[in-house]
Protein backbone atom coordinates (compact mmCIF):
# COMPACT_ATOMS: atom_id res chain seq x y z
CA MET A 1 72.53 102.19 26.92
CA LYS A 2 70.18 104.70 25.44
CA LYS A 3 71.29 108.24 24.43
CA THR A 4 69.25 109.54 27.28
CA GLY A 5 70.64 106.98 30.07
CA MET A 6 74.05 108.15 28.98
CA ALA A 7 73.28 111.77 29.04
CA LYS A 8 72.12 111.10 32.80
CA SER A 9 75.28 109.14 33.81
CA ASP A 10 77.36 111.96 32.33
CA ALA A 11 75.33 114.68 34.11
CA LYS A 12 75.84 112.51 37.37
CA LYS A 13 79.68 112.21 36.41
CA LEU A 14 79.89 116.10 36.00
CA MET A 15 77.91 116.67 39.46
CA GLY A 16 79.82 114.36 41.30
CA LYS A 17 76.90 112.41 42.58
CA MET A 18 77.96 109.24 40.93
CA PRO A 19 79.12 106.75 43.43
CA ALA A 20 83.02 105.75 43.67
CA PRO A 21 83.73 102.16 42.23
CA GLY A 22 84.29 100.04 44.78
CA GLY A 23 81.87 101.83 47.07
CA ALA A 24 84.70 103.27 49.39
CA ASN A 25 84.73 106.96 49.83
CA PHE A 26 88.19 107.99 51.18
CA GLY A 27 88.26 110.54 53.62
CA ASN A 28 84.79 110.29 54.73
CA SER A 29 85.31 106.92 56.54
CA ALA A 30 86.38 108.65 59.80
CA VAL A 31 83.15 110.39 60.36
CA PRO A 32 80.35 108.58 61.18
CA VAL A 33 76.97 109.93 59.55
CA ILE A 34 73.78 109.55 61.49
CA ASP A 35 71.02 109.92 59.56
CA LYS A 36 67.79 111.88 60.34
CA ARG A 37 65.96 108.83 61.59
CA GLU A 38 68.74 107.96 63.89
CA GLN A 39 69.18 111.39 64.98
CA ARG A 40 65.51 111.82 65.84
CA ARG A 41 65.67 108.24 67.76
CA LEU A 42 68.42 109.92 69.71
CA ASP A 43 66.82 112.95 70.65
CA GLN A 44 63.82 110.96 71.75
CA ALA A 45 65.82 108.91 73.98
CA ALA A 46 67.44 112.07 75.66
CA GLY A 47 63.70 113.61 76.04
CA LEU A 48 63.94 116.19 73.34
CA VAL A 49 60.92 117.53 71.72
CA PRO A 50 61.37 119.32 68.50
CA PHE A 51 60.05 123.16 69.09
CA ALA A 52 60.00 125.43 66.35
CA VAL A 53 59.46 129.27 66.62
CA LYS A 54 59.84 132.13 64.37
CA LEU A 55 62.40 135.05 65.45
CA ASN A 56 63.50 138.32 64.02
CA GLY A 57 66.36 137.83 62.09
CA ALA A 58 68.94 140.46 64.40
CA LEU A 59 67.64 138.16 67.66
CA VAL A 60 68.76 134.98 65.96
CA GLN A 61 72.05 136.58 65.19
CA GLN A 62 72.41 137.63 68.79
CA LEU A 63 71.64 134.03 69.94
CA GLN A 64 74.01 132.46 67.44
CA THR A 65 77.24 135.05 68.59
CA LEU A 66 76.13 134.19 72.14
CA ALA A 67 76.47 130.74 71.44
CA LYS A 68 80.10 130.92 69.77
CA GLU A 69 81.09 132.84 72.71
CA ARG A 70 79.90 130.54 75.55
CA GLU A 71 81.07 127.70 73.00
CA LEU A 72 77.66 126.08 73.30
CA ASP A 73 75.52 124.51 70.89
CA LEU A 74 72.52 126.72 70.07
CA ASN A 75 70.06 124.35 71.30
CA GLN A 76 71.52 124.55 74.66
CA LEU A 77 71.82 128.28 74.81
CA VAL A 78 68.21 128.62 73.75
CA ALA A 79 67.00 126.16 76.65
CA ASP A 80 69.06 127.82 79.31
CA LEU A 81 68.01 131.32 78.24
CA LEU A 82 64.15 129.91 78.40
CA ASN A 83 64.98 128.33 81.80
CA LYS A 84 66.34 131.76 83.28
CA GLY A 85 63.37 133.60 81.72
CA LEU A 86 60.69 131.22 83.24
CA GLU A 87 62.21 131.41 86.65
CA ALA A 88 62.50 134.96 86.69
């Protein structure tokens, strides 16, 4: 292995990015990880459409605290608030 290759390998080890020997990640095996493509497919199947908006930071904090109080996902909370606002 060249000197640069060894330096890259050492850097990966230091950063913790090197895969574990055997391919097993102990401690992470119980948590299923959904990649972005799979999550997008699940969202589309549920009829969800991405909708980006820019909001004031104070308003975002209010929404986040309200979502924690109601124990809802932020997406669900915003959808509920928009529905109530459109009905009025």
